[in-house]
Amino acid sequence: MLRDLRSQSLRRTPDELVQHLKSFELDLKFSAGVWFFSPAPSRFHERYKPVLDIAARLEIAAPLKAYGLGAMEAHYPNEINARNLDRWQKFTRDTGIKILTVIPLLFWDEQFEWGSLSNPNPAIRRAAMERTREAAQLNRELDTEFMIVWPGIDGYENAFGVDLRAARDRFASGLAEALDAVPGVRVAFEPKPYEPRGHILYGSTSEGILLGEKVERLLQHPVNKKLLDEGHALVALNPEVGHILMGYEDLPYAYGLAMEYGRLAHIHLNSQPLGNYDQDLNVGVISTEATEAMLYALKMYGYAGWFGIDINPERMPVDTALKISMDALRAANDRINSLDHEAFVWASEHPDQARGWVEAYLIRARAAHPENLPALPKLK
């Protein structure tokens, strides 16, 4: 099912924006990646929990339906494939938790040491393209909303003398070939600036948008060209909070930028210090104010997709971590819905007449006992 993202780019007058903020509420539909239900290997310490197969992971996920988990995400072929597809489909029938996306595994295999779709070796690049095509086919068979693509191993450490233009061209044309082989499937591209490579191709939000435009210019299948002619994005984005902050980007700016171009297909949520390695902490652990600012940007521009949780709960049960993250988003969403939207829009349009007002207002909005603070003068 191709979700219509075109309304994300709609421009509103200040009055229209106020009415939109008062009437539109984010629909907190939660998804989770099956990969973090079992502990990942680390080069620094042993696993703190036992390794679980897919069946055991789905057993943990099933009861979370009652708590708000509505969809699962999985990589192909290591987590979902032809051999275990029946188990996945039975899980969705029994629980009502859908399969949201099938993600081609383009970063793990030894053969991808020098990249997947950007690999200069034609045989290895062809293997990556075939895996992407197979994943796209499975997405179409399962009627998912998009196919996340993360090029974690496509990049470099030493850029001296490297033909990076050629590498970017190979990646874009390989992705386009896979999409034309399985037309009508949307990509949700996930930028990340670094790790595991020193620098990953198309690592920022703006570079992800450029990739989308580049790939779409290469598409040739009539079905894809028709969708593009109708204004639909076929290469959209799946920005992750941690990756955005690793690149020193601002959350509301990055998510708002993707929506400006009608390309926000999905979001991955967690917590992350500015810069640093990719920590995948529970939502709301660090910089809760940044989470609120991000949600408010999503509300402003009418995001109607899923809220994907992508965490690495090393020191607590995964179901506990997911409940904490879902509750953190619910609490933040309640706070932004209670704000004086008209005043915020007015302050944005008249910054010279609202000096310091937003900061002072938010202090009171977040205070447990705002009545203990001096009253805030109203804006004109």
Protein backbone atom coordinates (compact mmCIF):
# COMPACT_ATOMS: atom_id res chain seq x y z
CA MET A 1 0.00 0.00 0.00
CA LEU A 2 1.57 3.26 -1.14
CA ARG A 3 0.74 5.91 1.45
CA ASP A 4 0.02 9.33 -0.04
CA LEU A 5 2.74 11.70 1.20
CA ARG A 6 1.92 14.62 -1.07
CA SER A 7 0.07 16.67 1.55
CA GLN A 8 3.29 16.91 3.60
CA SER A 9 4.56 19.62 1.24
CA LEU A 10 1.40 21.75 1.53
CA ARG A 11 2.10 25.39 2.44
CA ARG A 12 -0.28 27.04 4.90
CA THR A 13 -0.87 30.66 5.83
CA PRO A 14 -0.44 31.51 9.54
CA ASP A 15 -4.19 31.33 10.08
CA GLU A 16 -4.41 28.03 8.24
CA LEU A 17 -1.50 26.67 10.26
CA VAL A 18 -3.20 27.59 13.53
CA GLN A 19 -6.36 25.79 12.49
CA HIS A 20 -4.34 22.78 11.38
CA LEU A 21 -2.47 22.60 14.71
CA LYS A 22 -5.74 22.80 16.62
CA SER A 23 -7.46 20.08 14.59
CA PHE A 24 -4.67 17.65 13.62
CA GLU A 25 -3.25 15.17 16.10
CA LEU A 26 -0.47 12.67 15.49
CA ASP A 27 -1.68 9.07 15.32
CA LEU A 28 0.83 7.21 17.49
CA LYS A 29 1.00 3.89 15.68
CA PHE A 30 4.10 2.05 16.89
CA SER A 31 6.37 -0.33 15.00
CA ALA A 32 9.56 -2.07 16.16
CA GLY A 33 12.51 -3.79 14.52
CA VAL A 34 12.77 -7.49 15.26
CA TRP A 35 16.59 -7.20 15.23
CA PHE A 36 16.80 -5.60 18.70
CA PHE A 37 14.67 -8.29 20.36
CA SER A 38 17.86 -10.37 20.56
CA PRO A 39 21.20 -8.94 21.76
CA ALA A 40 23.58 -7.84 19.04
CA PRO A 41 27.27 -8.81 19.12
CA SER A 42 29.66 -6.24 20.57
CA ARG A 43 33.41 -5.88 20.21
CA PHE A 44 33.63 -4.61 23.80
CA HIS A 45 31.71 -7.12 25.92
CA GLU A 46 29.88 -10.43 25.90
CA ARG A 47 26.14 -10.48 25.33
CA TYR A 48 24.21 -9.82 28.54
CA LYS A 49 21.17 -11.78 27.39
CA PRO A 50 20.73 -15.04 25.47
CA VAL A 51 20.49 -15.01 21.69
CA LEU A 52 16.90 -15.59 20.56
CA ASP A 53 15.63 -17.06 17.32
CA ILE A 54 12.83 -15.39 15.37
CA ALA A 55 10.14 -17.53 17.00
CA ALA A 56 11.23 -16.49 20.49
CA ARG A 57 11.39 -12.83 19.46
CA LEU A 58 7.87 -12.92 18.06
CA GLU A 59 6.65 -14.51 21.30
CA ILE A 60 7.92 -11.42 23.14
CA ALA A 61 6.32 -9.09 20.60
CA ALA A 62 2.86 -10.69 20.59
CA PRO A 63 1.65 -9.46 24.03
CA LEU A 64 2.83 -5.94 23.20
CA LYS A 65 -0.11 -5.59 20.82
CA ALA A 66 -2.25 -4.68 23.82
CA TYR A 67 0.26 -1.98 24.79
CA GLY A 68 0.23 -0.35 21.35
CA LEU A 69 2.69 -2.25 19.16
CA GLY A 70 1.06 -2.49 15.74
CA ALA A 71 3.79 -3.52 13.30
CA MET A 72 7.17 -5.22 12.99
CA GLU A 73 10.15 -4.54 10.75
CA ALA A 74 12.61 -7.20 9.58
CA HIS A 75 15.69 -7.67 7.40
CA TYR A 76 15.83 -10.02 4.40
CA PRO A 77 17.10 -12.74 4.26
CA ASN A 78 18.43 -13.18 7.82
CA GLU A 79 15.23 -12.31 9.73
CA ILE A 80 12.46 -12.90 7.21
CA ASN A 81 12.76 -15.22 4.21
CA ALA A 82 10.95 -17.93 2.28
CA ARG A 83 11.71 -20.55 4.95
CA ASN A 84 10.12 -18.69 7.85
CA LEU A 85 7.52 -16.63 6.03
CA ASP A 86 4.72 -18.94 7.18
CA ARG A 87 5.69 -18.29 10.81
CA TRP A 88 5.61 -14.53 10.21
CA GLN A 89 2.23 -14.70 8.48
CA LYS A 90 0.77 -16.83 11.27
CA PHE A 91 2.09 -14.27 13.77
CA THR A 92 0.31 -11.44 11.95
CA ARG A 93 -2.94 -13.42 11.73
CA ASP A 94 -2.85 -14.40 15.40
CA THR A 95 -1.87 -10.99 16.81
CA GLY A 96 -2.99 -8.37 14.31
CA ILE A 97 0.58 -7.02 14.30
CA LYS A 98 1.45 -6.39 10.66
CA ILE A 99 4.73 -6.68 8.77
CA LEU A 100 5.51 -3.06 8.00
CA THR A 101 8.69 -3.36 5.95
CA VAL A 102 11.16 -5.92 4.65
CA ILE A 103 14.68 -4.45 4.61
CA PRO A 104 17.42 -5.78 2.30
CA LEU A 105 20.48 -6.70 4.40
CA LEU A 106 23.15 -4.74 2.54
CA PHE A 107 25.77 -4.20 5.24
CA TRP A 108 26.58 -7.46 7.05
CA ASP A 109 27.91 -10.02 4.59
CA GLU A 110 31.65 -10.46 4.09
CA GLN A 111 31.19 -9.95 0.36
CA PHE A 112 30.09 -6.35 1.04
CA GLU A 113 33.41 -5.37 2.62
CA TRP A 114 33.85 -2.62 -0.01
CA GLY A 115 30.20 -1.70 -0.35
CA SER A 116 26.95 -3.16 -1.61
CA LEU A 117 25.15 -1.20 -4.35
CA SER A 118 28.18 1.08 -4.73
CA ASN A 119 30.73 -1.76 -4.88
CA PRO A 120 33.17 -1.37 -7.78
CA ASN A 121 33.21 -5.15 -8.28
CA PRO A 122 30.40 -5.85 -10.79
CA ALA A 123 29.66 -9.35 -9.45
CA ILE A 124 29.30 -8.21 -5.84
CA ARG A 125 27.29 -5.16 -6.86
CA ARG A 126 25.00 -7.46 -8.86
CA ALA A 127 24.50 -9.64 -5.76
CA ALA A 128 23.48 -6.54 -3.79
CA MET A 129 21.08 -5.46 -6.52
CA GLU A 130 19.55 -8.93 -6.61
CA ARG A 131 19.07 -8.94 -2.85
CA THR A 132 17.41 -5.52 -3.05
CA ARG A 133 15.15 -6.75 -5.84
CA GLU A 134 14.17 -9.86 -3.84
CA ALA A 135 13.39 -7.76 -0.79
CA ALA A 136 11.30 -5.41 -2.92
CA GLN A 137 9.40 -8.38 -4.31
CA LEU A 138 8.66 -9.63 -0.79
CA ASN A 139 7.47 -6.16 0.19
CA ARG A 140 5.07 -6.19 -2.73
CA GLU A 141 3.80 -9.69 -1.92
CA LEU A 142 3.18 -8.69 1.71
CA ASP A 143 1.64 -5.34 0.71
CA THR A 144 3.94 -3.36 2.98
CA GLU A 145 4.05 0.43 2.93
CA PHE A 146 7.74 0.83 2.00
CA MET A 147 11.15 -0.84 1.90
CA ILE A 148 13.76 0.69 4.20
CA VAL A 149 17.23 0.85 2.65
CA TRP A 150 20.27 1.61 4.83
CA PRO A 151 23.68 1.71 3.07
CA GLY A 152 25.72 1.14 6.22
CA ILE A 153 28.73 -0.38 4.47
CA ASP A 154 28.72 1.89 1.40
CA GLY A 155 31.30 4.54 2.15
CA TYR A 156 34.98 5.14 2.86
CA GLU A 157 37.60 5.98 5.48
CA ASN A 158 40.25 7.65 3.30
CA ALA A 159 38.70 9.74 0.53
CA PHE A 160 42.01 10.63 -1.16
CA GLY A 161 41.81 9.69 -4.84
CA VAL A 162 38.50 7.84 -4.46
CA ASP A 163 36.04 8.44 -7.30
CA LEU A 164 33.13 9.21 -4.99
CA ARG A 165 30.98 10.47 -7.85
CA ALA A 166 31.22 7.05 -9.47
CA ALA A 167 30.39 5.35 -6.17
CA ARG A 168 27.30 7.51 -5.72
CA ASP A 169 26.27 6.86 -9.31
CA ARG A 170 26.61 3.12 -8.84
CA PHE A 171 24.50 3.20 -5.70
CA ALA A 172 21.73 5.31 -7.25
CA SER A 173 21.57 3.38 -10.51
CA GLY A 174 21.57 0.04 -8.69
CA LEU A 175 18.68 1.13 -6.51
CA ALA A 176 16.81 2.40 -9.57
CA GLU A 177 17.28 -0.91 -11.39
CA ALA A 178 15.89 -2.85 -8.43
CA LEU A 179 12.86 -0.53 -8.20
CA ASP A 180 12.14 -0.81 -11.90
CA ALA A 181 12.31 -4.61 -11.58
CA VAL A 182 9.56 -4.46 -8.92
CA PRO A 183 7.58 -1.32 -9.81
CA GLY A 184 5.32 0.45 -7.36
CA VAL A 185 7.43 -0.27 -4.26
CA ARG A 186 8.57 2.78 -2.32
CA VAL A 187 11.99 3.04 -0.70
CA ALA A 188 12.36 4.68 2.71
CA PHE A 189 16.04 5.59 2.66
CA GLU A 190 17.81 5.89 6.02
CA PRO A 191 20.77 8.30 6.08
CA LYS A 192 23.59 7.89 8.59
CA PRO A 193 26.78 9.96 8.53
CA TYR A 194 29.25 7.32 9.82
CA GLU A 195 29.58 3.94 11.57
CA PRO A 196 30.44 1.29 10.57
CA ARG A 197 32.24 3.16 7.76
CA GLY A 198 34.19 6.30 8.55
CA HIS A 199 31.86 8.16 6.19
CA ILE A 200 28.71 6.65 4.68
CA LEU A 201 27.37 7.67 1.27
CA TYR A 202 24.30 9.92 1.35
CA GLY A 203 24.73 10.36 5.09
CA SER A 204 22.60 13.43 5.87
CA THR A 205 18.94 14.31 5.47
CA SER A 206 19.61 16.69 2.60
CA GLU A 207 21.79 14.10 0.84
CA GLY A 208 18.96 11.59 1.22
CA ILE A 209 16.62 14.00 -0.55
CA LEU A 210 19.17 14.46 -3.34
CA LEU A 211 19.44 10.67 -3.67
CA GLY A 212 15.67 10.41 -3.98
CA GLU A 213 15.57 12.93 -6.80
CA LYS A 214 18.53 11.28 -8.51
CA VAL A 215 17.08 7.77 -8.39
CA GLU A 216 13.65 8.92 -9.54
CA ARG A 217 15.19 10.56 -12.63
CA LEU A 218 16.61 7.13 -13.53
CA LEU A 219 13.36 5.16 -13.19
CA GLN A 220 11.94 3.90 -16.48
CA HIS A 221 9.12 1.45 -15.73
CA PRO A 222 5.73 2.86 -16.82
CA VAL A 223 4.16 2.14 -13.41
CA ASN A 224 6.89 4.07 -11.63
CA LYS A 225 6.82 6.93 -14.11
CA LYS A 226 3.05 7.24 -13.73
CA LEU A 227 3.35 7.47 -9.93
CA LEU A 228 6.06 10.10 -10.30
CA ASP A 229 3.94 12.06 -12.78
CA GLU A 230 1.17 12.08 -10.17
CA GLY A 231 3.57 13.67 -7.67
CA HIS A 232 4.28 10.64 -5.48
CA ALA A 233 7.75 10.11 -4.05
CA LEU A 234 9.15 6.65 -4.73
CA VAL A 235 12.41 7.24 -2.89
CA ALA A 236 11.39 8.79 0.41
CA LEU A 237 13.18 8.90 3.77
CA ASN A 238 13.28 7.05 7.07
CA PRO A 239 15.32 9.47 9.21
CA GLU A 240 16.49 8.10 12.55
CA VAL A 241 16.87 10.38 15.57
CA GLY A 242 20.25 8.89 16.48
CA HIS A 243 21.66 9.23 12.98
CA ILE A 244 20.43 12.82 12.66
CA LEU A 245 22.11 13.81 15.92
CA MET A 246 25.31 11.93 15.06
CA GLY A 247 25.55 14.31 12.10
CA TYR A 248 24.89 17.37 14.29
CA GLU A 249 21.60 18.03 12.53
CA ASP A 250 18.58 19.53 14.28
CA LEU A 251 15.59 17.21 14.69
CA PRO A 252 12.68 19.52 13.75
CA TYR A 253 14.70 20.96 10.88
CA ALA A 254 15.64 17.54 9.48
CA TYR A 255 12.18 15.98 9.73
CA GLY A 256 10.55 19.17 8.48
CA LEU A 257 12.92 19.27 5.51
CA ALA A 258 11.98 15.73 4.48
CA MET A 259 8.29 16.68 4.69
CA GLU A 260 8.84 19.87 2.69
CA TYR A 261 9.65 17.61 -0.24
CA GLY A 262 6.87 15.10 0.51
CA ARG A 263 9.40 12.40 1.33
CA LEU A 264 8.87 11.39 4.95
CA ALA A 265 7.71 7.77 4.62
CA HIS A 266 8.68 6.55 8.10
CA ILE A 267 10.68 7.55 11.17
CA HIS A 268 13.00 5.67 13.52
CA LEU A 269 12.97 6.95 17.09
CA ASN A 270 15.40 6.64 20.01
CA SER A 271 17.67 8.92 22.07
CA GLN A 272 21.20 10.02 21.27
CA PRO A 273 23.77 12.49 22.56
CA LEU A 274 24.80 15.09 19.97
CA GLY A 275 27.48 13.43 17.86
CA ASN A 276 29.01 10.35 19.55
CA TYR A 277 28.58 6.74 18.42
CA ASP A 278 25.15 5.32 17.57
CA GLN A 279 23.70 4.50 21.00
CA ASP A 280 20.03 3.68 20.23
CA LEU A 281 18.89 4.62 23.74
CA ASN A 282 15.24 4.46 24.76
CA VAL A 283 13.08 7.32 23.53
CA GLY A 284 13.08 10.21 26.00
CA VAL A 285 16.21 9.25 27.94
CA ILE A 286 18.20 12.19 26.57
CA SER A 287 16.94 15.61 25.41
CA THR A 288 13.22 15.15 25.90
CA GLU A 289 12.77 18.73 24.72
CA ALA A 290 14.25 17.72 21.34
CA THR A 291 11.71 14.89 21.11
CA GLU A 292 8.91 17.38 21.73
CA ALA A 293 10.28 19.81 19.13
CA MET A 294 10.46 16.98 16.59
CA LEU A 295 6.89 15.86 17.32
CA TYR A 296 5.66 19.43 17.01
CA ALA A 297 7.28 19.69 13.55
CA LEU A 298 5.59 16.42 12.55
CA LYS A 299 2.27 17.82 13.79
CA MET A 300 2.78 21.12 11.95
CA TYR A 301 3.23 19.40 8.61
CA GLY A 302 0.72 16.57 9.04
CA TYR A 303 2.80 13.40 9.43
CA ALA A 304 0.42 10.43 9.25
CA GLY A 305 2.84 7.49 9.20
CA TRP A 306 4.12 4.98 11.73
CA PHE A 307 6.35 5.74 14.69
CA GLY A 308 9.14 3.19 14.44
CA ILE A 309 11.14 2.46 17.57
CA ASP A 310 14.76 1.47 16.92
CA ILE A 311 16.60 0.91 20.20
CA ASN A 312 19.33 -1.28 21.70
CA PRO A 313 18.17 -2.22 25.21
CA GLU A 314 21.30 -3.97 26.42
CA ARG A 315 20.55 -3.74 30.15
CA MET A 316 16.81 -4.25 30.40
CA PRO A 317 14.17 -6.56 28.89
CA VAL A 318 13.18 -5.50 25.40
CA ASP A 319 9.47 -5.39 26.22
CA THR A 320 10.19 -3.05 29.14
CA ALA A 321 12.26 -0.80 26.89
CA LEU A 322 9.54 -0.70 24.26
CA LYS A 323 6.87 0.21 26.81
CA ILE A 324 9.08 3.02 28.15
CA SER A 325 9.65 4.35 24.63
CA MET A 326 5.97 4.22 23.70
CA ASP A 327 5.01 5.96 26.94
CA ALA A 328 7.66 8.63 26.39
CA LEU A 329 6.17 9.42 23.00
CA ARG A 330 2.63 9.45 24.37
CA ALA A 331 3.64 11.84 27.16
CA ALA A 332 5.50 14.15 24.76
CA ASN A 333 2.56 14.12 22.37
CA ASP A 334 0.16 15.08 25.17
CA ARG A 335 2.41 18.01 26.05
CA ILE A 336 2.60 19.40 22.52
CA ASN A 337 -1.16 19.02 22.03
CA SER A 338 -1.77 21.16 25.11
CA LEU A 339 0.30 24.10 23.87
CA ASP A 340 -1.08 27.48 22.80
CA HIS A 341 -0.72 26.91 19.05
CA GLU A 342 -1.99 30.34 18.08
CA ALA A 343 0.60 32.00 20.29
CA PHE A 344 3.42 29.87 18.86
CA VAL A 345 2.49 30.73 15.28
CA TRP A 346 2.19 34.43 16.18
CA ALA A 347 5.59 34.39 17.90
CA SER A 348 7.14 32.73 14.84
CA GLU A 349 5.69 35.45 12.58
CA HIS A 350 6.58 38.33 14.97
CA PRO A 351 9.90 37.37 16.59
CA ASP A 352 10.76 41.02 17.31
CA GLN A 353 7.67 41.25 19.51
CA ALA A 354 8.10 37.88 21.26
CA ARG A 355 11.69 37.99 22.49
CA GLY A 356 12.22 35.12 24.92
CA TRP A 357 8.54 34.25 25.03
CA VAL A 358 8.85 30.72 23.58
CA GLU A 359 11.54 29.71 26.07
CA ALA A 360 9.63 31.17 29.00
CA TYR A 361 6.39 29.52 27.89
CA LEU A 362 8.01 26.09 27.50
CA ILE A 363 9.55 26.30 30.97
CA ARG A 364 6.07 26.71 32.40
CA ALA A 365 4.57 24.06 30.12
CA ARG A 366 7.11 21.51 31.40
CA ALA A 367 6.96 22.55 35.05
CA ALA A 368 5.25 20.19 37.50
CA HIS A 369 3.83 23.22 39.34
CA PRO A 370 3.74 26.17 36.92
CA GLU A 371 1.65 28.09 39.42
CA ASN A 372 4.81 28.48 41.49
CA LEU A 373 6.39 30.55 38.72
CA PRO A 374 5.55 34.19 37.94
CA ALA A 375 2.75 34.54 35.41
CA LEU A 376 3.91 34.90 31.82
CA PRO A 377 2.70 38.09 30.11
CA LYS A 378 0.43 37.30 27.19
CA LEU A 379 1.48 38.13 23.66
CA LYS A 380 -0.36 40.91 21.87
